[in-house]
Amino acid sequence: MNTLIITAALALSTLFHGEPPTSKSEVKQKIEHSLSAIERNLPLEVNQNGLVRVSLKVDENGKLQILEADYSHEELKNLLADRLALITIDNKTDDVVYYYEFRFEKH
């Protein structure tokens, strides 16, 4: 069984930008939906863990743009980046930075 745990530190972005809750929840929902199938393709060995932390924002076209990434496995980061690139956000917000932490485990 593979496990994906998504932890979001969105409170920081709302403190400084006062972004509407609908855009925050839309970003989170779309990311969770996009990553639901990623569990079957984890580039990890059995009983191996991985971590990817990203800061991202929505660009003028509604696409998620990764600003920074910190990761334990480059293959996980690339897989995550590919999945995030497929997402389009309807409610665009200016200069709001979202922080996510993705923990991957393969059992």
C-alpha atoms as a PDB file:
ATOM      1  CA  MET A   1       0.000   0.000   0.000  1.00  0.00           C
ATOM      2  CA  ASN A   2       1.297   3.465  -0.877  1.00  0.00           C
ATOM      3  CA  THR A   3       0.489   6.512   1.196  1.00  0.00           C
ATOM      4  CA  LEU A   4       0.506  10.197   0.349  1.00  0.00           C
ATOM      5  CA  ILE A   5       0.080  12.767   3.093  1.00  0.00           C
ATOM      6  CA  ILE A   6      -0.458  16.400   2.114  1.00  0.00           C
ATOM      7  CA  THR A   7       0.190  19.057   4.708  1.00  0.00           C
ATOM      8  CA  ALA A   8      -0.618  22.630   3.814  1.00  0.00           C
ATOM      9  CA  ALA A   9       0.717  25.693   5.558  1.00  0.00           C
ATOM     10  CA  LEU A  10      -1.736  28.087   4.001  1.00  0.00           C
ATOM     11  CA  ALA A  11      -2.274  30.242   7.071  1.00  0.00           C
ATOM     12  CA  LEU A  12       0.891  32.218   6.315  1.00  0.00           C
ATOM     13  CA  SER A  13      -0.273  33.223   2.873  1.00  0.00           C
ATOM     14  CA  THR A  14      -3.615  34.468   4.177  1.00  0.00           C
ATOM     15  CA  LEU A  15      -2.025  36.513   6.956  1.00  0.00           C
ATOM     16  CA  PHE A  16      -0.152  38.694   4.518  1.00  0.00           C
ATOM     17  CA  HIS A  17      -2.440  38.765   1.524  1.00  0.00           C
ATOM     18  CA  GLY A  18      -5.969  38.374   2.862  1.00  0.00           C
ATOM     19  CA  GLU A  19      -6.819  35.967   0.062  1.00  0.00           C
ATOM     20  CA  PRO A  20     -10.408  34.750  -0.194  1.00  0.00           C
ATOM     21  CA  PRO A  21     -10.994  31.303   1.334  1.00  0.00           C
ATOM     22  CA  THR A  22     -12.525  30.018  -1.909  1.00  0.00           C
ATOM     23  CA  SER A  23      -9.242  30.298  -3.811  1.00  0.00           C
ATOM     24  CA  LYS A  24      -7.330  28.606  -0.971  1.00  0.00           C
ATOM     25  CA  SER A  25      -9.751  25.692  -0.862  1.00  0.00           C
ATOM     26  CA  GLU A  26      -9.886  25.455  -4.663  1.00  0.00           C
ATOM     27  CA  VAL A  27      -6.100  25.156  -4.866  1.00  0.00           C
ATOM     28  CA  LYS A  28      -6.048  22.487  -2.138  1.00  0.00           C
ATOM     29  CA  GLN A  29      -8.926  20.498  -3.679  1.00  0.00           C
ATOM     30  CA  LYS A  30      -7.413  20.539  -7.155  1.00  0.00           C
ATOM     31  CA  ILE A  31      -4.021  19.453  -5.848  1.00  0.00           C
ATOM     32  CA  GLU A  32      -5.548  16.608  -3.828  1.00  0.00           C
ATOM     33  CA  HIS A  33      -7.604  15.463  -6.823  1.00  0.00           C
ATOM     34  CA  SER A  34      -4.622  15.633  -9.173  1.00  0.00           C
ATOM     35  CA  LEU A  35      -2.430  13.630  -6.793  1.00  0.00           C
ATOM     36  CA  SER A  36      -4.975  10.929  -6.002  1.00  0.00           C
ATOM     37  CA  ALA A  37      -3.551   8.653  -8.735  1.00  0.00           C
ATOM     38  CA  ILE A  38       0.097   9.401  -7.983  1.00  0.00           C
ATOM     39  CA  GLU A  39       0.225   6.787  -5.219  1.00  0.00           C
ATOM     40  CA  ARG A  40       0.476   3.938  -7.711  1.00  0.00           C
ATOM     41  CA  ASN A  41       3.508   5.482  -9.427  1.00  0.00           C
ATOM     42  CA  LEU A  42       5.721   6.433  -6.506  1.00  0.00           C
ATOM     43  CA  PRO A  43       9.400   6.109  -7.440  1.00  0.00           C
ATOM     44  CA  LEU A  44      10.234   4.716  -3.995  1.00  0.00           C
ATOM     45  CA  GLU A  45      11.287   1.337  -2.698  1.00  0.00           C
ATOM     46  CA  VAL A  46       9.046  -0.563  -0.263  1.00  0.00           C
ATOM     47  CA  ASN A  47       9.218   0.985   3.241  1.00  0.00           C
ATOM     48  CA  GLN A  48      10.891   4.102   1.857  1.00  0.00           C
ATOM     49  CA  ASN A  49       9.685   7.636   2.650  1.00  0.00           C
ATOM     50  CA  GLY A  50       9.979  10.844   0.689  1.00  0.00           C
ATOM     51  CA  LEU A  51       9.290  14.514   1.300  1.00  0.00           C
ATOM     52  CA  VAL A  52       8.693  17.429  -1.061  1.00  0.00           C
ATOM     53  CA  ARG A  53       8.044  20.976   0.159  1.00  0.00           C
ATOM     54  CA  VAL A  54       6.998  23.595  -2.364  1.00  0.00           C
ATOM     55  CA  SER A  55       6.012  27.206  -2.448  1.00  0.00           C
ATOM     56  CA  LEU A  56       3.816  28.057  -5.398  1.00  0.00           C
ATOM     57  CA  LYS A  57       1.483  30.645  -6.797  1.00  0.00           C
ATOM     58  CA  VAL A  58      -1.165  30.871  -9.474  1.00  0.00           C
ATOM     59  CA  ASP A  59       0.054  32.674 -12.598  1.00  0.00           C
ATOM     60  CA  GLU A  60      -2.012  34.917 -14.873  1.00  0.00           C
ATOM     61  CA  ASN A  61      -3.190  31.862 -16.864  1.00  0.00           C
ATOM     62  CA  GLY A  62      -4.461  30.039 -13.770  1.00  0.00           C
ATOM     63  CA  LYS A  63      -1.546  27.566 -13.805  1.00  0.00           C
ATOM     64  CA  LEU A  64       0.365  26.626 -10.666  1.00  0.00           C
ATOM     65  CA  GLN A  65       3.926  27.894 -10.747  1.00  0.00           C
ATOM     66  CA  ILE A  66       6.487  26.380  -8.359  1.00  0.00           C
ATOM     67  CA  LEU A  67       8.626  29.122  -6.851  1.00  0.00           C
ATOM     68  CA  GLU A  68      10.849  26.949  -4.651  1.00  0.00           C
ATOM     69  CA  ALA A  69      11.119  23.257  -3.871  1.00  0.00           C
ATOM     70  CA  ASP A  70      12.929  21.332  -1.171  1.00  0.00           C
ATOM     71  CA  TYR A  71      12.891  17.562  -1.588  1.00  0.00           C
ATOM     72  CA  SER A  72      14.401  14.293  -0.457  1.00  0.00           C
ATOM     73  CA  HIS A  73      14.100  12.562  -3.860  1.00  0.00           C
ATOM     74  CA  GLU A  74      14.407  14.370  -7.166  1.00  0.00           C
ATOM     75  CA  GLU A  75      12.155  11.827  -8.907  1.00  0.00           C
ATOM     76  CA  LEU A  76       9.359  12.617  -6.440  1.00  0.00           C
ATOM     77  CA  LYS A  77       9.819  16.334  -7.024  1.00  0.00           C
ATOM     78  CA  ASN A  78       9.667  15.840 -10.796  1.00  0.00           C
ATOM     79  CA  LEU A  79       6.570  13.634 -10.540  1.00  0.00           C
ATOM     80  CA  LEU A  80       4.879  16.212  -8.319  1.00  0.00           C
ATOM     81  CA  ALA A  81       5.874  19.091 -10.624  1.00  0.00           C
ATOM     82  CA  ASP A  82       4.438  17.248 -13.629  1.00  0.00           C
ATOM     83  CA  ARG A  83       1.119  16.693 -11.820  1.00  0.00           C
ATOM     84  CA  LEU A  84       0.929  20.297 -10.592  1.00  0.00           C
ATOM     85  CA  ALA A  85       1.557  21.585 -14.128  1.00  0.00           C
ATOM     86  CA  LEU A  86      -1.705  19.953 -15.254  1.00  0.00           C
ATOM     87  CA  ILE A  87      -3.827  21.949 -12.788  1.00  0.00           C
ATOM     88  CA  THR A  88      -5.734  25.085 -13.787  1.00  0.00           C
ATOM     89  CA  ILE A  89      -7.228  27.328 -11.108  1.00  0.00           C
ATOM     90  CA  ASP A  90     -10.364  29.301 -11.956  1.00  0.00           C
ATOM     91  CA  ASN A  91     -10.157  31.885  -9.149  1.00  0.00           C
ATOM     92  CA  LYS A  92      -6.830  33.589  -9.776  1.00  0.00           C
ATOM     93  CA  THR A  93      -5.303  35.655  -6.964  1.00  0.00           C
ATOM     94  CA  ASP A  94      -2.488  38.156  -7.262  1.00  0.00           C
ATOM     95  CA  ASP A  95       0.793  37.512  -5.470  1.00  0.00           C
ATOM     96  CA  VAL A  96      -0.540  34.866  -3.079  1.00  0.00           C
ATOM     97  CA  VAL A  97       2.081  32.276  -2.197  1.00  0.00           C
ATOM     98  CA  TYR A  98       0.918  28.825  -1.073  1.00  0.00           C
ATOM     99  CA  TYR A  99       3.134  26.499   0.961  1.00  0.00           C
ATOM    100  CA  TYR A 100       2.645  22.744   0.789  1.00  0.00           C
ATOM    101  CA  GLU A 101       4.452  19.783   2.248  1.00  0.00           C
ATOM    102  CA  PHE A 102       3.951  16.390   0.621  1.00  0.00           C
ATOM    103  CA  ARG A 103       4.981  13.255   2.498  1.00  0.00           C
ATOM    104  CA  PHE A 104       5.171  10.058   0.507  1.00  0.00           C
ATOM    105  CA  GLU A 105       5.426   6.543   1.943  1.00  0.00           C
ATOM    106  CA  LYS A 106       5.525   3.248   0.105  1.00  0.00           C
ATOM    107  CA  HIS A 107       4.524   0.127   2.049  1.00  0.00           C
END
